[in-house]
C-alpha atoms as a PDB file:
ATOM      1  CA  UNK A   1     -18.876  -0.661  25.969  1.00  0.00           C
ATOM      2  CA  UNK A   2     -18.541  -2.825  29.045  1.00  0.00           C
ATOM      3  CA  UNK A   3     -19.459  -1.054  32.271  1.00  0.00           C
ATOM      4  CA  UNK A   4     -16.534  -1.434  34.670  1.00  0.00           C
ATOM      5  CA  UNK A   5     -18.707  -1.568  37.792  1.00  0.00           C
ATOM      6  CA  UNK A   6     -20.700  -4.502  36.371  1.00  0.00           C
ATOM      7  CA  UNK A   7     -17.484  -6.164  35.226  1.00  0.00           C
ATOM      8  CA  UNK A   8     -15.851  -5.799  38.660  1.00  0.00           C
ATOM      9  CA  UNK A   9     -18.989  -7.039  40.392  1.00  0.00           C
ATOM     10  CA  UNK A  10     -19.091 -10.130  38.162  1.00  0.00           C
ATOM     11  CA  UNK A  11     -15.427 -10.727  38.865  1.00  0.00           C
ATOM     12  CA  UNK A  12     -16.178 -10.808  42.591  1.00  0.00           C
ATOM     13  CA  UNK A  13     -19.404 -12.808  42.322  1.00  0.00           C
ATOM     14  CA  UNK A  14     -18.000 -15.544  40.078  1.00  0.00           C
ATOM     15  CA  UNK A  15     -14.999 -17.168  41.788  1.00  0.00           C
ATOM     16  CA  UNK A  16     -14.369 -19.687  38.974  1.00  0.00           C
ATOM     17  CA  UNK A  17     -13.773 -16.791  36.591  1.00  0.00           C
ATOM     18  CA  UNK A  18     -10.146 -17.412  35.670  1.00  0.00           C
ATOM     19  CA  UNK A  19      -7.445 -14.777  35.546  1.00  0.00           C
ATOM     20  CA  UNK A  20      -6.709 -15.884  31.977  1.00  0.00           C
ATOM     21  CA  UNK A  21     -10.294 -15.037  30.950  1.00  0.00           C
ATOM     22  CA  UNK A  22      -9.898 -11.713  32.708  1.00  0.00           C
ATOM     23  CA  UNK A  23      -6.746 -10.950  30.695  1.00  0.00           C
ATOM     24  CA  UNK A  24      -8.343 -12.106  27.436  1.00  0.00           C
ATOM     25  CA  UNK A  25     -11.338  -9.829  28.017  1.00  0.00           C
ATOM     26  CA  UNK A  26      -9.099  -6.919  28.992  1.00  0.00           C
ATOM     27  CA  UNK A  27      -7.001  -7.493  25.870  1.00  0.00           C
ATOM     28  CA  UNK A  28     -10.080  -7.675  23.629  1.00  0.00           C
ATOM     29  CA  UNK A  29     -11.459  -4.508  25.175  1.00  0.00           C
ATOM     30  CA  UNK A  30      -8.104  -2.793  24.578  1.00  0.00           C
ATOM     31  CA  UNK A  31      -8.088  -3.947  20.930  1.00  0.00           C
ATOM     32  CA  UNK A  32     -11.622  -2.619  20.461  1.00  0.00           C
ATOM     33  CA  UNK A  33     -10.674   0.742  21.959  1.00  0.00           C
ATOM     34  CA  UNK A  34      -7.530   1.067  19.858  1.00  0.00           C
ATOM     35  CA  UNK A  35      -9.477   0.138  16.706  1.00  0.00           C
ATOM     36  CA  UNK A  36     -12.079   2.823  17.500  1.00  0.00           C
ATOM     37  CA  UNK A  37      -9.298   5.301  18.217  1.00  0.00           C
ATOM     38  CA  UNK A  38      -7.601   4.525  14.875  1.00  0.00           C
ATOM     39  CA  UNK A  39     -10.900   5.045  13.031  1.00  0.00           C
ATOM     40  CA  UNK A  40     -11.392   8.410  14.731  1.00  0.00           C
ATOM     41  CA  UNK A  41      -7.787   9.359  13.987  1.00  0.00           C
ATOM     42  CA  UNK A  42      -8.204   8.464  10.315  1.00  0.00           C
ATOM     43  CA  UNK A  43     -11.416  10.481  10.104  1.00  0.00           C
ATOM     44  CA  UNK A  44      -9.730  13.511  11.688  1.00  0.00           C
ATOM     45  CA  UNK A  45      -6.811  13.203   9.262  1.00  0.00           C
ATOM     46  CA  UNK A  46      -9.059  12.930   6.216  1.00  0.00           C
ATOM     47  CA  UNK A  47     -11.189  15.878   7.398  1.00  0.00           C
ATOM     48  CA  UNK A  48      -8.021  17.896   8.017  1.00  0.00           C
ATOM     49  CA  UNK A  49      -6.827  17.132   4.478  1.00  0.00           C
ATOM     50  CA  UNK A  50     -10.260  18.070   3.116  1.00  0.00           C
ATOM     51  CA  UNK A  51     -10.296  21.371   5.014  1.00  0.00           C
ATOM     52  CA  UNK A  52      -6.704  22.086   3.923  1.00  0.00           C
ATOM     53  CA  UNK A  53      -7.764  21.392   0.313  1.00  0.00           C
ATOM     54  CA  UNK A  54     -10.741  23.740   0.687  1.00  0.00           C
ATOM     55  CA  UNK A  55      -8.459  26.461   2.061  1.00  0.00           C
ATOM     56  CA  UNK A  56      -6.074  25.977  -0.891  1.00  0.00           C
ATOM     57  CA  UNK A  57      -8.892  26.264  -3.418  1.00  0.00           C
ATOM     58  CA  UNK A  58     -10.202  29.426  -1.711  1.00  0.00           C
ATOM     59  CA  UNK A  59      -6.705  30.958  -1.559  1.00  0.00           C
ATOM     60  CA  UNK A  60      -6.002  29.956  -5.193  1.00  0.00           C
END
């Protein structure tokens, strides 16, 4: 996880840092976050199905 304060500081300190690089990094960070989010979502869904299955077996 990239610390935003460090990132912003570097952005100010390094003038040759291009806007394109900035967008690429932001995009990559966004992709990483959405991938992590999808993994968490999948885990929650599979755990929900597991718990629902447990409840069914207890009820049955």
